[in-house]
């Protein structure tokens, strides 16, 4: 039966005795993301027999009646055929698994590795909303200067000093050209004067 969050909030305010158990119960349920992660961790294969699962079921490593919880560190994916989840029922996982014809030390180790891994993750932050990224590490990187960007910066800030083509007046070349032209003019006039 769905319950509106505003109704739950009102009940917690009105009846303080239900507030504390609710706080203790936070995070007790296996989320859809955690379940999807478990399936992917085992590569869509049954954690026990190693067969492909099109419709995986949730198996409690420690049975619920023995104090097991419906949390990510106690639930693994397994197939629902007669040889796995249906035959395990409420038995303790390792003693049941070792007596099965499909028992594999490697798969048993993978189950324990998975449980160790999810336990090492600890509890997710209560403030964290579903799907929100969490900053786990801040890194300061040194960025290599972009020379081209520096050139454009200089050209825009000081265009007079940092142009591609500098406009300079080289008067020595003009003066030299004027002297050559004057010398040619004199030589032409002498030739004309000597010819007449």
Protein backbone atom coordinates (compact mmCIF):
# COMPACT_ATOMS: atom_id res chain seq x y z
CA UNK A 1 0.00 0.00 0.00
CA UNK A 2 1.65 3.27 -1.08
CA UNK A 3 2.01 5.96 1.55
CA UNK A 4 2.47 9.65 0.80
CA UNK A 5 5.64 11.13 2.26
CA UNK A 6 3.62 14.00 3.77
CA UNK A 7 1.47 11.48 5.67
CA UNK A 8 4.54 9.69 6.98
CA UNK A 9 6.06 13.04 8.02
CA UNK A 10 2.85 13.95 9.89
CA UNK A 11 2.81 10.58 11.67
CA UNK A 12 6.43 10.98 12.72
CA UNK A 13 5.62 14.37 14.21
CA UNK A 14 2.42 13.19 15.89
CA UNK A 15 3.70 9.82 17.14
CA UNK A 16 7.33 10.14 18.16
CA UNK A 17 7.56 6.45 19.10
CA UNK A 18 7.53 5.46 15.40
CA UNK A 19 10.21 7.98 14.48
CA UNK A 20 13.12 6.10 16.10
CA UNK A 21 12.42 2.68 14.50
CA UNK A 22 12.09 4.40 11.13
CA UNK A 23 15.51 6.01 11.57
CA UNK A 24 17.04 2.65 12.53
CA UNK A 25 15.38 0.97 9.55
CA UNK A 26 16.82 3.39 6.96
CA UNK A 27 18.97 1.63 4.41
CA UNK A 28 17.65 -1.81 5.37
CA UNK A 29 16.05 -2.43 1.98
CA UNK A 30 17.94 -3.46 -1.13
CA UNK A 31 17.61 -0.70 -3.74
CA UNK A 32 17.04 -1.36 -7.43
CA UNK A 33 20.51 0.08 -8.21
CA UNK A 34 22.17 -2.24 -5.71
CA UNK A 35 20.31 -5.23 -7.18
CA UNK A 36 21.34 -4.27 -10.74
CA UNK A 37 24.94 -3.92 -9.53
CA UNK A 38 24.83 -7.41 -7.99
CA UNK A 39 23.54 -8.92 -11.24
CA UNK A 40 26.27 -7.18 -13.26
CA UNK A 41 28.94 -8.19 -10.72
CA UNK A 42 28.12 -11.84 -11.45
CA UNK A 43 27.87 -11.13 -15.23
CA UNK A 44 24.18 -12.10 -15.42
CA UNK A 45 25.12 -15.59 -14.24
CA UNK A 46 23.79 -17.48 -11.24
CA UNK A 47 26.16 -16.96 -8.33
CA UNK A 48 25.88 -20.67 -7.46
CA UNK A 49 25.70 -22.77 -10.64
CA UNK A 50 27.12 -20.22 -13.10
CA UNK A 51 24.29 -20.56 -15.64
CA UNK A 52 22.88 -17.56 -17.49
CA UNK A 53 19.79 -16.07 -15.81
CA UNK A 54 17.10 -14.35 -17.86
CA UNK A 55 15.03 -13.75 -14.73
CA UNK A 56 17.31 -13.76 -11.64
CA UNK A 57 15.94 -14.16 -8.13
CA UNK A 58 17.23 -12.66 -4.91
CA UNK A 59 18.82 -15.21 -2.61
CA UNK A 60 19.68 -14.41 0.99
CA UNK A 61 23.13 -15.68 1.90
CA UNK A 62 22.09 -15.69 5.56
CA UNK A 63 18.42 -16.72 5.66
CA UNK A 64 15.92 -14.15 6.93
CA UNK A 65 14.66 -16.48 9.68
CA UNK A 66 18.26 -16.69 11.02
CA UNK A 67 18.54 -12.89 11.27
CA UNK A 68 19.63 -12.22 7.70
CA UNK A 69 18.66 -8.91 6.16
CA UNK A 70 17.35 -7.79 2.80
CA UNK A 71 20.46 -5.68 2.15
CA UNK A 72 23.13 -5.61 -0.53
CA UNK A 73 25.64 -7.50 1.63
CA UNK A 74 23.24 -10.43 2.14
CA UNK A 75 21.52 -10.74 -1.25
CA UNK A 76 23.05 -12.34 -4.35
CA UNK A 77 21.49 -13.20 -7.70
CA UNK A 78 20.69 -16.80 -8.45
CA UNK A 79 18.52 -18.73 -10.87
CA UNK A 80 15.15 -19.94 -9.72
CA UNK A 81 15.45 -23.43 -11.08
CA UNK A 82 15.20 -26.48 -8.83
CA UNK A 83 18.93 -26.83 -8.29
CA UNK A 84 19.62 -23.36 -6.85
CA UNK A 85 17.27 -20.96 -5.06
CA UNK A 86 14.43 -23.47 -4.79
CA UNK A 87 16.66 -26.18 -3.30
CA UNK A 88 18.60 -23.87 -0.96
CA UNK A 89 15.43 -22.63 0.75
CA UNK A 90 16.37 -21.52 4.29
CA UNK A 91 19.67 -23.41 4.51
CA UNK A 92 22.94 -21.74 5.42
CA UNK A 93 24.65 -20.85 2.14
CA UNK A 94 28.11 -22.42 2.46
CA UNK A 95 27.07 -25.75 4.00
CA UNK A 96 24.30 -26.13 1.37
CA UNK A 97 26.52 -25.00 -1.53
CA UNK A 98 29.42 -27.36 -0.73
CA UNK A 99 27.04 -30.33 -0.94
CA UNK A 100 25.83 -29.44 -4.45
CA UNK A 101 27.16 -31.20 -7.59
CA UNK A 102 27.76 -27.78 -9.24
CA UNK A 103 29.86 -26.48 -6.31
CA UNK A 104 32.85 -24.41 -7.42
CA UNK A 105 35.53 -22.95 -5.16
CA UNK A 106 35.98 -20.08 -7.64
CA UNK A 107 32.27 -19.15 -7.56
CA UNK A 108 32.19 -19.47 -3.76
CA UNK A 109 35.19 -17.16 -3.57
CA UNK A 110 33.48 -14.71 -5.93
CA UNK A 111 30.43 -14.65 -3.62
CA UNK A 112 32.65 -13.87 -0.64
CA UNK A 113 34.59 -11.26 -2.63
CA UNK A 114 31.30 -9.59 -3.58
CA UNK A 115 30.11 -9.57 0.03
CA UNK A 116 33.45 -8.14 1.22
CA UNK A 117 33.31 -5.49 -1.48
CA UNK A 118 29.80 -4.25 -0.68
CA UNK A 119 30.56 -4.28 3.05
CA UNK A 120 33.66 -2.17 2.39
CA UNK A 121 31.46 0.42 0.68
CA UNK A 122 29.80 1.13 4.03
CA UNK A 123 26.45 2.83 4.39
CA UNK A 124 25.46 5.29 1.71
CA UNK A 125 25.01 8.84 2.92
CA UNK A 126 21.44 9.53 4.04
CA UNK A 127 21.57 12.99 2.46
CA UNK A 128 22.51 11.53 -0.90
CA UNK A 129 19.53 11.34 -3.19
CA UNK A 130 19.18 8.46 -5.60
CA UNK A 131 21.37 8.88 -8.65
CA UNK A 132 23.37 11.79 -7.21
CA UNK A 133 27.13 11.71 -7.70
CA UNK A 134 29.31 11.82 -4.62
CA UNK A 135 32.69 13.56 -4.57
CA UNK A 136 35.13 10.94 -3.35
CA UNK A 137 38.38 12.60 -4.33
CA UNK A 138 39.37 16.08 -5.39
CA UNK A 139 42.30 16.39 -7.78
CA UNK A 140 44.24 19.55 -8.65
CA UNK A 141 45.79 19.31 -12.07
CA UNK A 142 48.48 21.49 -13.58
CA UNK A 143 47.45 22.63 -17.02
CA UNK A 144 50.18 23.18 -19.59
CA UNK A 145 50.01 26.74 -20.89
CA UNK A 146 48.49 27.18 -24.32
CA UNK A 147 51.00 29.26 -26.29
CA UNK A 148 48.48 30.17 -28.97
CA UNK A 149 46.07 31.50 -26.36
CA UNK A 150 48.89 33.57 -24.88
CA UNK A 151 49.68 35.04 -28.32
CA UNK A 152 46.07 36.08 -28.86
CA UNK A 153 45.89 37.53 -25.37
CA UNK A 154 48.97 39.68 -26.04
CA UNK A 155 47.71 40.76 -29.49
CA UNK A 156 44.40 41.87 -28.01
CA UNK A 157 45.87 43.66 -24.98
CA UNK A 158 48.84 45.35 -26.68
CA UNK A 159 48.20 45.43 -30.42
CA UNK A 160 50.91 48.01 -31.03
CA UNK A 161 53.63 45.79 -29.59
CA UNK A 162 52.34 42.36 -30.72
CA UNK A 163 51.27 42.61 -34.37
CA UNK A 164 51.94 39.93 -36.94
CA UNK A 165 53.42 42.49 -39.32
CA UNK A 166 55.24 45.43 -37.91
CA UNK A 167 55.05 48.57 -39.92
CA UNK A 168 58.47 50.15 -39.87
CA UNK A 169 59.78 52.85 -42.10
CA UNK A 170 63.14 51.98 -43.50
CA UNK A 171 64.29 55.33 -44.84
CA UNK A 172 67.77 54.04 -45.69
CA UNK A 173 66.42 51.98 -48.59
CA UNK A 174 64.46 54.95 -49.94
CA UNK A 175 67.46 57.25 -49.61
CA UNK A 176 69.69 54.73 -51.36
CA UNK A 177 67.13 54.33 -54.16
CA UNK A 178 66.97 58.13 -54.49
CA UNK A 179 70.79 58.29 -54.81
CA UNK A 180 70.81 55.54 -57.47
CA UNK A 181 68.06 57.29 -59.44
CA UNK A 182 69.87 60.64 -59.15
CA UNK A 183 73.11 59.01 -60.37
CA UNK A 184 71.29 57.45 -63.33
CA UNK A 185 69.69 60.81 -64.13
CA UNK A 186 73.10 62.53 -64.13
CA UNK A 187 74.58 59.81 -66.31
CA UNK A 188 71.68 60.16 -68.76
CA UNK A 189 72.06 63.93 -68.90
CA UNK A 190 75.81 63.66 -69.52
CA UNK A 191 75.20 61.26 -72.35
CA UNK A 192 72.69 63.58 -73.89
CA UNK A 193 74.93 66.60 -73.41
CA UNK A 194 77.94 64.84 -74.88
CA UNK A 195 75.96 63.54 -77.83
CA UNK A 196 74.76 66.97 -78.84
